[in-house]
Amino acid sequence: MKKIVIMDAFSTMHVGNGALLENSIKVCEKAYPNSEITILTLDKKTNEKKYKNIEMTLFGTFAVKQPKYKQIIWGIQQVLFMFFQTLNILTIKINPAKIGFNQDHKNAMRAIQESDICISITGEALNDNVYKALYFWLFSYWMVIGYGKKFILFPQSIGPLEKTINKKLVFFALKNASLLVGRDKKSYEKLIDLGFDEKKVLYSPDVAILQDINTSFAIDQYFTDENIKKVIGITVSKIPNEIETNIDFIEKIVSSVKQVLDPNEYRILLMPSNYYPASESPDYQLCKRVQIELNDKYETAILSLDPLFPDDYKSLLCQLEVFITTRMHVAILATSGYIPTIAINTQHKIRGYMKNIDMEQYCLDFDDLDDLSDVLKKSLVENKKIREDLQNNLESMHKDLENFIKKFGSI
């Protein structure tokens, strides 16, 4: 029986991260039936509601939103941890689980020490824009490889990665990894460009295309009256800091919807996919703004503040006529259910995915949002054909994913 450690799961309060975790587990179980899987996560409380064998990551929650003095203590603990683990790898190699400066270190290292395989599922850790966490993750990957564990980088977006120091550190940390997988062709090519052995580099689509659905989760529960109106789903999110734009994309979406959709035929469901515990996330607040601006013309509803697991969320998606989104993983969940999807390209990974499924014409940059009304019209007029094309294109992607699973299972 293989013992597998998922090293860097995020919170399932973010539907995309939940889909990554759920389907990474599925991949592990396909590759290694009856394997024992331990999950290291930044959100133990939420993930424990669905999964077992949960511990915090090596770095806890990175002391996010903690008082300054706690951040300083956390920083000192990490420096000591990395120094002594490095010294141990290069010298006597005592049991690494004995080297820890807080309980997160000890619990995570115990799981790693007992494992056969360690995997990363962050989705986009190798990225100049997340440099504050990048160096910690890279150290953890280098460390497990240094202790003789097989390390797999599950399908991820690679880049933007242009800073020389970051490229060198990525190569140094991962040069002895067992398998590195890019989830789009651009990411695959970036891994090759970084100098990794081509025999250890693979392309595979995102594991979220495997997502199952909860067929009992009905969309009508969000509306006051059952009727025959078709439902258009909309997910909007905060624009990443690396994107500079003065465009009010909310206004563009609202005006396009009002221009195209007949209120006698369509109703709108706002579907935030990123939640905060006991409060409204920025995504939720933006979705509320869209709802308010559409309320004067359409019957609208918004998901509750209780976060949904990916199978429930996908069930709702599969009942839509068209889906408009600024987030990638919910686009993956929708298109893997053959729902015509318009993706607004807030990060390069979104276009990479839409290109993978031959739907790039339905991916719009901010500068192209004046075309949204035309693309929405086309999505309605050619709805049946788009669904058929998605089914055919996803069949090809499933074959690529099966190739990855087969390769993973041979390691």
Protein backbone atom coordinates (compact mmCIF):
# COMPACT_ATOMS: atom_id res chain seq x y z
CA MET A 1 0.00 0.00 0.00
CA LYS A 2 1.38 3.37 -1.06
CA LYS A 3 1.39 6.21 1.42
CA ILE A 4 0.84 9.54 -0.33
CA VAL A 5 1.07 13.05 1.11
CA ILE A 6 -0.65 16.00 -0.55
CA MET A 7 1.63 18.80 0.62
CA ASP A 8 -0.21 22.01 -0.15
CA ALA A 9 -4.00 21.82 -0.27
CA PHE A 10 -5.83 25.10 0.09
CA SER A 11 -9.31 25.65 1.52
CA THR A 12 -12.40 24.09 -0.03
CA MET A 13 -14.14 27.38 0.81
CA HIS A 14 -12.75 28.25 -2.62
CA VAL A 15 -14.59 25.99 -5.07
CA GLY A 16 -11.56 25.80 -7.38
CA ASN A 17 -9.25 24.66 -4.61
CA GLY A 18 -11.88 22.18 -3.50
CA ALA A 19 -12.04 20.74 -7.02
CA LEU A 20 -8.24 20.45 -7.13
CA LEU A 21 -8.18 18.56 -3.83
CA GLU A 22 -11.13 16.25 -4.50
CA ASN A 23 -9.91 15.24 -7.94
CA SER A 24 -6.26 14.96 -6.98
CA ILE A 25 -7.39 12.39 -4.42
CA LYS A 26 -9.34 10.66 -7.18
CA VAL A 27 -6.21 10.56 -9.38
CA CYS A 28 -4.17 9.09 -6.52
CA GLU A 29 -6.79 6.40 -5.96
CA LYS A 30 -6.89 5.56 -9.67
CA ALA A 31 -3.10 5.32 -9.90
CA TYR A 32 -2.66 3.53 -6.58
CA PRO A 33 -5.82 1.72 -5.43
CA ASN A 34 -6.07 1.29 -1.66
CA SER A 35 -3.41 3.96 -1.08
CA GLU A 36 -3.33 5.86 2.21
CA ILE A 37 -3.56 9.60 1.60
CA THR A 38 -2.67 12.33 4.09
CA ILE A 39 -3.63 15.92 3.32
CA LEU A 40 -1.55 18.88 4.49
CA THR A 41 -3.76 21.95 4.20
CA LEU A 42 -4.01 25.63 5.05
CA ASP A 43 -7.61 25.11 6.24
CA LYS A 44 -7.90 22.04 8.42
CA LYS A 45 -11.27 23.03 9.91
CA THR A 46 -13.13 23.22 6.60
CA ASN A 47 -11.43 20.29 4.86
CA GLU A 48 -12.08 18.00 7.83
CA LYS A 49 -15.80 18.23 7.03
CA LYS A 50 -15.23 16.05 3.98
CA TYR A 51 -11.84 14.32 4.27
CA LYS A 52 -9.88 12.31 6.80
CA ASN A 53 -6.15 12.25 7.65
CA ILE A 54 -5.86 16.06 7.72
CA GLU A 55 -2.96 18.09 9.10
CA MET A 56 -1.84 21.68 8.67
CA THR A 57 0.85 22.41 6.09
CA LEU A 58 4.47 22.70 7.19
CA PHE A 59 4.01 26.46 7.29
CA GLY A 60 0.58 26.55 8.89
CA THR A 61 -1.39 29.45 7.43
CA PHE A 62 1.77 31.53 6.79
CA ALA A 63 0.72 33.70 9.77
CA VAL A 64 -1.74 35.53 7.52
CA LYS A 65 -3.85 38.14 9.37
CA GLN A 66 -1.91 37.51 12.58
CA PRO A 67 -0.58 40.27 14.89
CA LYS A 68 2.90 41.49 14.08
CA TYR A 69 4.54 39.74 17.03
CA LYS A 70 3.04 36.39 15.99
CA GLN A 71 4.29 36.91 12.45
CA ILE A 72 7.78 37.52 13.82
CA ILE A 73 7.63 34.36 15.95
CA TRP A 74 6.37 32.40 12.95
CA GLY A 75 9.18 33.78 10.78
CA ILE A 76 11.85 32.80 13.31
CA GLN A 77 10.38 29.29 13.55
CA GLN A 78 10.50 28.86 9.77
CA VAL A 79 14.10 30.07 9.49
CA LEU A 80 15.20 27.65 12.22
CA PHE A 81 13.20 24.82 10.68
CA MET A 82 14.65 25.30 7.20
CA PHE A 83 18.21 25.73 8.51
CA PHE A 84 18.22 22.56 10.60
CA GLN A 85 16.37 20.47 8.01
CA THR A 86 18.91 21.56 5.40
CA LEU A 87 21.77 20.73 7.75
CA ASN A 88 20.20 17.33 8.43
CA ILE A 89 19.83 16.52 4.72
CA LEU A 90 23.45 17.45 4.04
CA THR A 91 24.90 15.62 7.05
CA ILE A 92 23.67 12.87 9.38
CA LYS A 93 20.02 12.57 8.30
CA ILE A 94 18.34 11.78 11.59
CA ASN A 95 14.58 11.26 11.59
CA PRO A 96 13.36 14.62 10.17
CA ALA A 97 10.14 14.37 12.16
CA LYS A 98 12.24 15.13 15.23
CA ILE A 99 13.22 18.51 13.81
CA GLY A 100 10.34 20.91 14.32
CA PHE A 101 9.74 24.20 16.09
CA ASN A 102 5.95 24.10 16.30
CA GLN A 103 3.21 21.47 16.14
CA ASP A 104 2.56 22.08 12.43
CA HIS A 105 6.20 21.19 11.68
CA LYS A 106 6.03 18.01 13.75
CA ASN A 107 2.71 16.72 12.42
CA ALA A 108 3.54 17.43 8.79
CA MET A 109 7.06 16.00 9.01
CA ARG A 110 5.74 12.82 10.61
CA ALA A 111 3.40 12.31 7.64
CA ILE A 112 6.17 13.11 5.14
CA GLN A 113 8.64 10.79 6.84
CA GLU A 114 6.17 7.89 6.64
CA SER A 115 5.21 8.58 3.01
CA ASP A 116 6.30 6.98 -0.26
CA ILE A 117 5.17 9.81 -2.53
CA CYS A 118 4.65 13.54 -1.96
CA ILE A 119 2.63 15.65 -4.40
CA SER A 120 1.93 19.33 -4.97
CA ILE A 121 -1.55 20.39 -6.08
CA THR A 122 -1.44 24.17 -5.59
CA GLY A 123 -2.30 24.83 -9.21
CA GLU A 124 0.01 27.81 -9.65
CA ALA A 125 2.76 27.91 -7.03
CA LEU A 126 5.55 28.43 -9.58
CA ASN A 127 4.80 32.03 -10.30
CA ASP A 128 6.66 35.35 -9.88
CA ASN A 129 3.47 36.94 -8.54
CA VAL A 130 3.30 34.66 -5.49
CA TYR A 131 6.94 35.05 -4.53
CA LYS A 132 6.16 35.46 -0.82
CA ALA A 133 4.96 31.85 -0.67
CA LEU A 134 7.05 30.55 -3.59
CA TYR A 135 10.28 30.20 -1.63
CA PHE A 136 8.62 28.31 1.21
CA TRP A 137 6.94 25.87 -1.16
CA LEU A 138 10.15 25.37 -3.13
CA PHE A 139 12.04 24.61 0.05
CA SER A 140 9.45 22.01 1.07
CA TYR A 141 9.64 20.33 -2.36
CA TRP A 142 13.44 20.32 -2.30
CA MET A 143 13.41 18.96 1.25
CA VAL A 144 11.18 15.94 0.56
CA ILE A 145 13.26 15.09 -2.51
CA GLY A 146 16.38 15.43 -0.36
CA TYR A 147 14.94 12.88 2.05
CA GLY A 148 14.50 10.42 -0.80
CA LYS A 149 10.78 10.80 -1.35
CA LYS A 150 9.30 10.66 -4.83
CA PHE A 151 7.87 14.08 -5.64
CA ILE A 152 5.20 14.79 -8.26
CA LEU A 153 4.09 18.23 -9.40
CA PHE A 154 0.46 17.60 -10.34
CA PRO A 155 -0.95 19.48 -13.39
CA GLN A 156 -0.30 23.16 -12.78
CA SER A 157 0.06 26.51 -14.52
CA ILE A 158 3.71 27.53 -14.70
CA GLY A 159 4.42 31.23 -14.77
CA PRO A 160 4.64 34.04 -15.25
CA LEU A 161 8.17 33.06 -14.30
CA GLU A 162 10.63 35.56 -15.74
CA LYS A 163 12.81 36.60 -12.79
CA THR A 164 16.20 34.96 -13.13
CA ILE A 165 16.53 34.14 -9.44
CA ASN A 166 13.10 32.46 -9.39
CA LYS A 167 13.83 30.39 -12.48
CA LYS A 168 17.11 29.19 -10.99
CA LEU A 169 15.50 28.33 -7.67
CA VAL A 170 12.67 26.42 -9.35
CA PHE A 171 15.15 24.37 -11.33
CA PHE A 172 17.38 23.75 -8.32
CA ALA A 173 14.47 22.67 -6.10
CA LEU A 174 12.79 20.40 -8.65
CA LYS A 175 15.59 19.02 -10.84
CA ASN A 176 15.38 15.65 -9.06
CA ALA A 177 11.59 15.46 -8.97
CA SER A 178 10.01 12.28 -10.35
CA LEU A 179 7.42 14.03 -12.56
CA LEU A 180 6.50 17.64 -13.44
CA VAL A 181 3.18 18.27 -15.17
CA GLY A 182 1.98 21.43 -16.93
CA ARG A 183 -1.79 21.77 -17.32
CA ASP A 184 -1.61 23.68 -20.58
CA LYS A 185 0.81 23.63 -23.49
CA LYS A 186 2.39 26.95 -22.50
CA SER A 187 3.16 25.61 -19.01
CA TYR A 188 4.56 22.37 -20.45
CA GLU A 189 6.84 24.39 -22.73
CA LYS A 190 7.93 26.58 -19.82
CA LEU A 191 9.07 23.52 -17.86
CA ILE A 192 11.12 22.40 -20.86
CA ASP A 193 12.58 25.91 -21.26
CA LEU A 194 13.66 25.88 -17.61
CA GLY A 195 15.95 22.97 -18.44
CA PHE A 196 14.14 20.01 -16.88
CA ASP A 197 14.65 16.53 -18.30
CA GLU A 198 11.99 16.07 -20.99
CA LYS A 199 11.44 12.49 -19.81
CA LYS A 200 10.18 13.89 -16.51
CA VAL A 201 7.95 16.61 -18.00
CA LEU A 202 4.41 15.93 -19.13
CA TYR A 203 1.32 17.75 -20.33
CA SER A 204 -2.02 16.91 -18.74
CA PRO A 205 -5.25 18.87 -18.40
CA ASP A 206 -6.36 20.01 -14.98
CA VAL A 207 -7.60 17.19 -12.76
CA ALA A 208 -10.85 19.11 -12.14
CA ILE A 209 -12.26 17.78 -15.43
CA LEU A 210 -12.89 14.57 -13.45
CA GLN A 211 -15.31 16.31 -11.08
CA ASP A 212 -18.49 14.36 -10.29
CA ILE A 213 -21.83 16.02 -9.57
CA ASN A 214 -24.45 15.76 -6.86
CA THR A 215 -27.49 15.19 -9.05
CA SER A 216 -29.94 15.92 -6.22
CA PHE A 217 -28.86 19.55 -5.92
CA ALA A 218 -31.59 21.53 -7.71
CA ILE A 219 -31.14 25.06 -9.03
CA ASP A 220 -34.81 26.00 -8.44
CA GLN A 221 -34.19 26.16 -4.69
CA TYR A 222 -32.61 29.59 -5.23
CA PHE A 223 -35.68 31.11 -6.88
CA THR A 224 -39.02 31.96 -5.32
CA ASP A 225 -41.17 30.32 -7.99
CA GLU A 226 -40.54 27.34 -10.21
CA ASN A 227 -40.89 28.31 -13.86
CA ILE A 228 -39.64 27.42 -17.31
CA LYS A 229 -37.25 30.33 -17.65
CA LYS A 230 -33.69 29.33 -18.53
CA VAL A 231 -30.95 30.24 -16.07
CA ILE A 232 -27.78 32.17 -16.88
CA GLY A 233 -25.01 31.80 -14.29
CA ILE A 234 -22.51 34.55 -13.52
CA THR A 235 -19.39 34.40 -11.36
CA VAL A 236 -17.25 37.51 -10.90
CA SER A 237 -14.16 37.95 -8.79
CA LYS A 238 -11.62 40.46 -7.64
CA ILE A 239 -9.08 41.32 -10.34
CA PRO A 240 -5.57 40.04 -9.49
CA ASN A 241 -3.10 42.75 -8.52
CA GLU A 242 -0.85 41.98 -11.50
CA ILE A 243 -3.55 43.11 -13.95
CA GLU A 244 -3.64 46.83 -14.58
CA THR A 245 -6.91 48.05 -16.06
CA ASN A 246 -9.31 50.95 -15.67
CA ILE A 247 -12.17 49.02 -17.23
CA ASP A 248 -15.27 48.54 -15.09
CA PHE A 249 -15.80 44.91 -16.05
CA ILE A 250 -18.90 44.64 -13.85
CA GLU A 251 -20.59 47.39 -15.85
CA LYS A 252 -19.57 45.67 -19.11
CA ILE A 253 -21.09 42.37 -18.00
CA VAL A 254 -24.30 43.99 -16.78
CA SER A 255 -24.80 46.05 -19.93
CA SER A 256 -24.16 43.03 -22.18
CA VAL A 257 -26.62 40.89 -20.26
CA LYS A 258 -29.29 43.61 -20.45
CA GLN A 259 -28.65 44.08 -24.15
CA VAL A 260 -28.96 40.39 -25.04
CA LEU A 261 -31.19 38.53 -22.58
CA ASP A 262 -34.98 38.72 -22.68
CA PRO A 263 -36.27 38.83 -19.07
CA ASN A 264 -39.30 36.80 -20.16
CA GLU A 265 -37.01 33.92 -21.16
CA TYR A 266 -34.07 34.13 -18.76
CA ARG A 267 -33.33 34.52 -15.07
CA ILE A 268 -29.93 35.07 -13.47
CA LEU A 269 -28.09 33.15 -10.77
CA LEU A 270 -25.05 34.84 -9.21
CA MET A 271 -22.58 32.13 -8.22
CA PRO A 272 -19.67 33.35 -6.07
CA SER A 273 -17.05 30.61 -5.81
CA ASN A 274 -14.71 31.98 -3.15
CA TYR A 275 -15.93 32.29 0.44
CA TYR A 276 -14.76 33.64 3.77
CA PRO A 277 -15.79 32.09 7.09
CA ALA A 278 -18.73 33.98 8.60
CA SER A 279 -18.37 36.99 6.29
CA GLU A 280 -18.76 38.11 2.69
CA SER A 281 -15.71 37.57 0.49
CA PRO A 282 -14.75 40.16 -2.16
CA ASP A 283 -16.14 37.73 -4.78
CA TYR A 284 -19.45 37.58 -2.94
CA GLN A 285 -19.64 41.37 -2.69
CA LEU A 286 -18.96 41.75 -6.42
CA CYS A 287 -21.65 39.19 -7.23
CA LYS A 288 -24.08 41.12 -5.03
CA ARG A 289 -23.28 44.26 -7.01
CA VAL A 290 -24.13 42.47 -10.27
CA GLN A 291 -27.35 41.19 -8.73
CA ILE A 292 -28.37 44.68 -7.61
CA GLU A 293 -27.72 46.12 -11.06
CA LEU A 294 -29.76 43.38 -12.76
CA ASN A 295 -32.65 43.29 -10.29
CA ASP A 296 -34.56 46.06 -12.06
CA LYS A 297 -35.00 43.89 -15.17
CA TYR A 298 -34.56 40.22 -14.24
CA GLU A 299 -35.51 37.64 -11.69
CA THR A 300 -32.20 37.10 -9.90
CA ALA A 301 -30.80 35.02 -7.07
CA ILE A 302 -27.45 34.57 -5.39
CA LEU A 303 -25.93 31.53 -3.70
CA SER A 304 -26.06 31.55 0.09
CA LEU A 305 -23.07 32.40 2.26
CA ASP A 306 -22.58 28.72 3.04
CA PRO A 307 -19.75 27.43 0.82
CA LEU A 308 -20.52 24.59 -1.55
CA PHE A 309 -18.34 21.57 -2.20
CA PRO A 310 -17.42 21.13 -5.88
CA ASP A 311 -19.92 18.32 -6.59
CA ASP A 312 -22.83 20.52 -5.47
CA TYR A 313 -21.48 23.54 -7.34
CA LYS A 314 -21.06 21.56 -10.55
CA SER A 315 -24.59 20.23 -10.20
CA LEU A 316 -25.85 23.82 -10.35
CA LEU A 317 -23.60 24.61 -13.30
CA CYS A 318 -24.98 21.67 -15.26
CA GLN A 319 -28.48 23.18 -15.03
CA LEU A 320 -27.44 26.46 -16.70
CA GLU A 321 -28.02 27.60 -20.26
CA VAL A 322 -24.80 29.68 -20.37
CA PHE A 323 -22.16 30.49 -17.76
CA ILE A 324 -20.10 33.70 -17.56
CA THR A 325 -17.05 33.61 -15.28
CA THR A 326 -13.83 35.33 -14.32
CA ARG A 327 -12.50 32.24 -12.47
CA MET A 328 -10.83 29.27 -14.13
CA HIS A 329 -11.82 26.25 -12.07
CA VAL A 330 -15.52 26.97 -12.18
CA ALA A 331 -15.07 27.35 -15.96
CA ILE A 332 -13.51 23.88 -15.92
CA LEU A 333 -16.42 22.49 -13.90
CA ALA A 334 -18.96 24.06 -16.26
CA THR A 335 -17.29 23.02 -19.52
CA SER A 336 -16.62 19.50 -18.22
CA GLY A 337 -20.41 19.35 -17.81
CA TYR A 338 -20.71 20.56 -21.45
CA ILE A 339 -22.17 23.94 -20.50
CA PRO A 340 -21.39 26.81 -22.91
CA THR A 341 -19.03 29.06 -20.97
CA ILE A 342 -17.72 32.57 -21.53
CA ALA A 343 -14.47 33.06 -19.63
CA ILE A 344 -13.13 36.53 -18.92
CA ASN A 345 -9.37 36.24 -18.89
CA THR A 346 -8.28 37.57 -15.51
CA GLN A 347 -5.18 35.32 -15.52
CA HIS A 348 -3.19 33.70 -18.33
CA LYS A 349 -4.18 30.24 -17.07
CA ILE A 350 -7.81 30.85 -18.10
CA ARG A 351 -6.95 31.38 -21.75
CA GLY A 352 -4.65 28.36 -21.56
CA TYR A 353 -7.55 26.17 -20.46
CA MET A 354 -10.01 27.56 -23.01
CA LYS A 355 -7.42 26.96 -25.70
CA ASN A 356 -7.02 23.37 -24.49
CA ILE A 357 -10.70 22.71 -25.18
CA ASP A 358 -10.80 24.66 -28.48
CA MET A 359 -13.04 27.33 -26.97
CA GLU A 360 -10.63 30.27 -27.13
CA GLN A 361 -13.20 32.29 -29.11
CA TYR A 362 -15.28 32.32 -25.91
CA CYS A 363 -12.41 33.73 -23.82
CA LEU A 364 -12.31 37.52 -23.62
CA ASP A 365 -9.58 39.82 -22.35
CA PHE A 366 -10.63 43.00 -20.55
CA ASP A 367 -9.91 45.02 -23.66
CA ASP A 368 -12.35 42.81 -25.60
CA LEU A 369 -15.33 43.14 -23.28
CA ASP A 370 -17.18 45.31 -25.80
CA ASP A 371 -17.56 42.04 -27.72
CA LEU A 372 -19.24 40.27 -24.80
CA SER A 373 -22.77 40.88 -26.05
CA ASP A 374 -21.93 39.31 -29.43
CA VAL A 375 -20.26 36.32 -27.78
CA LEU A 376 -23.24 35.89 -25.46
CA LYS A 377 -25.63 35.96 -28.43
CA LYS A 378 -23.52 33.34 -30.19
CA SER A 379 -23.50 31.16 -27.05
CA LEU A 380 -27.31 31.18 -27.06
CA VAL A 381 -27.81 30.70 -30.79
CA GLU A 382 -25.21 27.92 -31.11
CA ASN A 383 -25.88 26.44 -27.69
CA LYS A 384 -26.51 22.88 -28.85
CA LYS A 385 -23.47 22.79 -31.12
CA ILE A 386 -21.20 24.20 -28.39
CA ARG A 387 -22.37 21.45 -26.03
CA GLU A 388 -21.59 18.80 -28.64
CA ASP A 389 -18.16 20.32 -29.34
CA LEU A 390 -17.38 20.43 -25.63
CA GLN A 391 -18.27 16.77 -25.24
CA ASN A 392 -15.98 15.80 -28.12
CA ASN A 393 -13.13 18.03 -26.94
CA LEU A 394 -13.37 16.84 -23.33
CA GLU A 395 -13.13 13.20 -24.47
CA SER A 396 -9.71 14.01 -25.93
CA MET A 397 -8.65 15.75 -22.73
CA HIS A 398 -9.70 12.77 -20.64
CA LYS A 399 -7.35 10.62 -22.73
CA ASP A 400 -4.48 13.03 -21.97
CA LEU A 401 -5.34 12.88 -18.27
CA GLU A 402 -5.41 9.08 -18.37
CA ASN A 403 -1.89 9.16 -19.81
CA PHE A 404 -0.77 11.20 -16.79
CA ILE A 405 -2.50 8.82 -14.38
CA LYS A 406 -0.79 5.86 -16.06
CA LYS A 407 2.60 7.58 -15.86
CA PHE A 408 2.01 8.55 -12.22
CA GLY A 409 1.02 4.99 -11.38
CA SER A 410 4.28 3.64 -12.80
CA ILE A 411 6.49 5.75 -10.53
